[in-house]
C-alpha cells in the first residue's frame, strides 16, 4: 500500500518537486541493491568462509588424535566460589592428575579436566596434538557449515543495512533541502501575506 501511495512521485504533476523524484529514485535504487547485491555478498562471504573452515577441519583432523589417559589421582576441588556460573562449570568437571602416551610415543602427565565421576585407575579419551600435548576437540563439518551460514547471513544483513542507512541519509538530506526551499518560498511571499488588513 505504501508503494502504491509512493507512485505519485513518478507522475508528472504540478505538485511534484525535484526532491520527490530524487527520493523515489533513492528508494528504488536501495530496493534493487538490497534484493540483488546483499544476497550475493552473503553467498560469496558464506562460500569463502565455508572453504576456509573446511580447510581448518582437514588440518585439525590431521594434527589432532584421540589417546587414552589414565587417572592417577583426583585433585581437590578449589575453594567454593560464590559465583553460581563459575560453581556450575566447576561441578561439571573433575580435575585429575593423569598419565597418557602421545601419538608419537612420548610419555606425558599433568592436571586435566574430566567427567565428575572419574576415579583413580579409570581411563578416559583425550584429544592431543602430534607431540602429545592436550588440545581441544577438532572442528567438525557441521559446526563449520553453521559458522559459514552465520557469516554469510551477517554479511548480507550488514550490506542491506548499509544500503538502507544510505537511503535514509539521502532522504534526510532531501528533507533538509525541501525545508530550506520552503523557507525561501515563504520569504518571497512576504511576511504580511494572508494577514487581515495587510493590503491583500
Protein backbone atom coordinates (compact mmCIF):
# COMPACT_ATOMS: atom_id res chain seq x y z
CA UNK A 1 0.00 0.00 0.00
CA UNK A 2 2.83 2.36 0.85
CA UNK A 3 4.40 1.61 -2.53
CA UNK A 4 1.17 2.43 -4.35
CA UNK A 5 0.91 5.74 -2.47
CA UNK A 6 4.52 6.50 -3.41
CA UNK A 7 3.86 6.11 -7.15
CA UNK A 8 2.59 9.69 -7.37
CA UNK A 9 6.21 10.82 -7.09
CA UNK A 10 6.82 9.38 -10.58
CA UNK A 11 3.84 11.02 -12.30
CA UNK A 12 4.11 14.43 -13.88
CA UNK A 13 2.06 16.89 -11.90
CA UNK A 14 2.49 20.46 -10.69
CA UNK A 15 2.84 19.36 -7.02
CA UNK A 16 5.80 17.08 -7.66
CA UNK A 17 9.10 18.61 -6.60
CA UNK A 18 12.58 17.62 -7.70
CA UNK A 19 13.25 16.26 -4.22
CA UNK A 20 10.22 13.97 -4.52
CA UNK A 21 11.64 12.40 -7.67
CA UNK A 22 15.11 12.11 -6.11
CA UNK A 23 13.59 10.40 -3.05
CA UNK A 24 11.72 7.93 -5.28
CA UNK A 25 14.90 7.10 -7.22
CA UNK A 26 16.84 6.63 -3.97
CA UNK A 27 14.17 4.21 -2.71
CA UNK A 28 14.15 2.24 -5.98
CA UNK A 29 17.94 2.01 -6.06
CA UNK A 30 18.06 0.88 -2.41
CA UNK A 31 15.46 -1.85 -3.05
CA UNK A 32 17.31 -3.13 -6.13
CA UNK A 33 20.64 -3.20 -4.27
CA UNK A 34 19.12 -4.89 -1.20
CA UNK A 35 17.37 -7.53 -3.35
CA UNK A 36 20.30 -8.25 -5.68
CA UNK A 37 23.60 -7.24 -4.07
CA UNK A 38 23.03 -8.13 -0.39
CA UNK A 39 22.23 -11.82 -1.07
CA UNK A 40 25.18 -12.06 -3.48
CA UNK A 41 27.55 -10.64 -0.85
CA UNK A 42 26.12 -13.02 1.75
CA UNK A 43 26.53 -16.01 -0.56
CA UNK A 44 30.12 -15.12 -1.50
CA UNK A 45 31.07 -14.49 2.13
CA UNK A 46 29.45 -17.74 3.26
CA UNK A 47 31.18 -19.71 0.48
CA UNK A 48 34.61 -18.27 1.23
CA UNK A 49 34.14 -18.81 4.96
CA UNK A 50 32.98 -22.39 4.41
CA UNK A 51 36.01 -23.11 2.23
CA UNK A 52 38.40 -21.71 4.85
CA UNK A 53 36.68 -23.59 7.68
CA UNK A 54 36.72 -26.88 5.75
CA UNK A 55 40.47 -26.44 5.34
CA UNK A 56 40.73 -25.85 9.11
CA UNK A 57 38.68 -29.01 9.74
CA UNK A 58 41.01 -31.00 7.50
CA UNK A 59 44.15 -29.61 9.17
CA UNK A 60 42.84 -30.20 12.69
CA UNK A 61 41.84 -33.78 11.87
CA UNK A 62 45.35 -34.44 10.60
CA UNK A 63 47.07 -32.78 13.57
CA UNK A 64 44.90 -33.96 16.49
CA UNK A 65 44.36 -37.50 17.69
CA UNK A 66 42.48 -39.24 20.46
CA UNK A 67 44.61 -41.03 23.04
CA UNK A 68 43.73 -42.85 26.24
CA UNK A 69 44.65 -41.21 29.54
CA UNK A 70 44.64 -42.92 32.93
CA UNK A 71 43.61 -41.14 36.13
CA UNK A 72 46.41 -41.31 38.71
CA UNK A 73 44.68 -39.30 41.42
CA UNK A 74 41.76 -36.95 41.86
CA UNK A 75 42.79 -33.38 42.64
CA UNK A 76 40.96 -31.50 45.42
CA UNK A 77 38.20 -29.09 44.43
CA UNK A 78 39.15 -25.43 44.54
CA UNK A 79 37.64 -23.37 47.31
CA UNK A 80 33.91 -22.68 47.00
CA UNK A 81 33.11 -19.77 44.74
CA UNK A 82 30.09 -17.59 45.41
CA UNK A 83 29.53 -17.01 41.68
CA UNK A 84 26.87 -19.56 40.54
CA UNK A 85 28.15 -19.63 36.94
CA UNK A 86 31.70 -20.47 37.97
CA UNK A 87 30.48 -23.01 40.51
CA UNK A 88 28.29 -24.82 37.97
CA UNK A 89 31.12 -25.08 35.43
CA UNK A 90 33.42 -26.37 38.19
CA UNK A 91 30.88 -29.04 39.19
CA UNK A 92 30.56 -30.23 35.56
CA UNK A 93 34.26 -31.31 35.52
CA UNK A 94 36.60 -33.04 37.91
CA UNK A 95 40.27 -32.11 37.99
CA UNK A 96 42.54 -35.13 37.97
CA UNK A 97 46.22 -35.88 37.62
CA UNK A 98 46.57 -38.26 34.67
CA UNK A 99 49.16 -40.01 32.51
CA UNK A 100 48.96 -40.69 28.79
CA UNK A 101 51.10 -41.60 25.81
CA UNK A 102 51.19 -39.22 22.84
CA UNK A 103 50.70 -40.33 19.23
CA UNK A 104 54.47 -40.09 18.76
CA UNK A 105 55.08 -42.48 21.70
CA UNK A 106 56.15 -39.79 24.19
CA UNK A 107 55.01 -40.11 27.81
CA UNK A 108 53.05 -37.25 29.38
CA UNK A 109 51.34 -36.44 32.67
CA UNK A 110 49.53 -33.47 34.10
CA UNK A 111 46.35 -32.00 35.55
CA UNK A 112 43.32 -32.38 33.31
CA UNK A 113 39.58 -31.92 33.49
CA UNK A 114 37.37 -34.98 33.06
CA UNK A 115 33.82 -36.09 33.91
CA UNK A 116 32.68 -35.63 37.54
CA UNK A 117 32.70 -39.33 38.47
CA UNK A 118 36.31 -40.10 37.46
CA UNK A 119 38.24 -42.26 39.98
CA UNK A 120 41.90 -43.35 40.19
CA UNK A 121 42.71 -46.04 37.63
CA UNK A 122 39.88 -45.05 35.32
CA UNK A 123 40.66 -44.35 31.68
CA UNK A 124 39.22 -41.60 29.51
CA UNK A 125 39.73 -40.29 25.99
CA UNK A 126 41.84 -37.17 25.44
CA UNK A 127 42.50 -35.08 22.32
CA UNK A 128 46.19 -34.27 21.79
CA UNK A 129 48.36 -32.71 19.13
CA UNK A 130 51.12 -34.64 17.33
CA UNK A 131 53.52 -34.21 20.28
CA UNK A 132 51.01 -35.48 22.84
CA UNK A 133 50.08 -32.09 24.33
CA UNK A 134 46.39 -31.73 25.28
CA UNK A 135 44.36 -29.99 22.59
CA UNK A 136 40.75 -29.03 22.04
CA UNK A 137 38.40 -31.23 20.04
CA UNK A 138 38.86 -30.66 16.29
CA UNK A 139 36.25 -28.62 14.47
CA UNK A 140 33.62 -30.77 12.74
CA UNK A 141 31.90 -30.26 9.38
CA UNK A 142 28.50 -29.37 10.87
CA UNK A 143 29.97 -26.64 13.06
CA UNK A 144 31.98 -25.28 10.12
CA UNK A 145 28.84 -25.16 7.96
CA UNK A 146 26.89 -23.41 10.72
CA UNK A 147 29.61 -20.77 11.13
CA UNK A 148 29.70 -20.24 7.36
CA UNK A 149 25.92 -19.74 7.21
CA UNK A 150 26.08 -17.28 10.11
CA UNK A 151 28.93 -15.36 8.46
CA UNK A 152 27.06 -15.16 5.15
CA UNK A 153 23.84 -14.07 6.83
CA UNK A 154 25.63 -11.41 8.84
CA UNK A 155 27.44 -10.09 5.76
CA UNK A 156 24.23 -9.93 3.72
CA UNK A 157 22.34 -8.24 6.54
CA UNK A 158 25.20 -5.78 7.06
CA UNK A 159 25.24 -4.80 3.38
CA UNK A 160 21.44 -4.45 3.35
CA UNK A 161 21.65 -2.27 6.46
CA UNK A 162 24.33 -0.15 4.78
CA UNK A 163 22.12 0.42 1.73
CA UNK A 164 19.09 1.24 3.88
CA UNK A 165 21.14 3.58 6.06
CA UNK A 166 22.45 5.35 2.95
CA UNK A 167 18.89 5.71 1.64
CA UNK A 168 17.75 7.20 4.94
CA UNK A 169 20.67 9.62 4.90
CA UNK A 170 19.77 10.71 1.36
CA UNK A 171 16.11 11.21 2.36
CA UNK A 172 17.18 13.21 5.42
CA UNK A 173 19.33 15.48 3.22
CA UNK A 174 16.45 15.86 0.75
CA UNK A 175 14.09 16.80 3.58
CA UNK A 176 16.52 19.47 4.80
CA UNK A 177 16.75 20.82 1.27
CA UNK A 178 12.96 20.76 0.95
CA UNK A 179 12.56 22.72 4.20
CA UNK A 180 15.15 25.26 3.02
CA UNK A 181 13.22 25.71 -0.23
CA UNK A 182 10.01 26.22 1.74
CA UNK A 183 11.71 28.91 3.85
CA UNK A 184 12.84 30.73 0.71
CA UNK A 185 9.33 30.48 -0.79
CA UNK A 186 7.79 31.92 2.39
CA UNK A 187 10.26 34.80 2.37
CA UNK A 188 9.37 35.57 -1.24
CA UNK A 189 5.66 35.53 -0.37
CA UNK A 190 6.30 38.19 2.25
CA UNK A 191 5.74 38.21 5.98
CA UNK A 192 2.41 40.02 5.72
CA UNK A 193 0.86 37.55 3.30
CA UNK A 194 -2.55 36.42 4.49
CA UNK A 195 -2.87 38.88 7.38
CA UNK A 196 -6.06 40.87 7.78
CA UNK A 197 -5.51 44.49 6.79
CA UNK A 198 -2.15 43.81 5.09
CA UNK A 199 -3.41 45.13 1.78
CA UNK A 200 -4.09 41.76 0.23
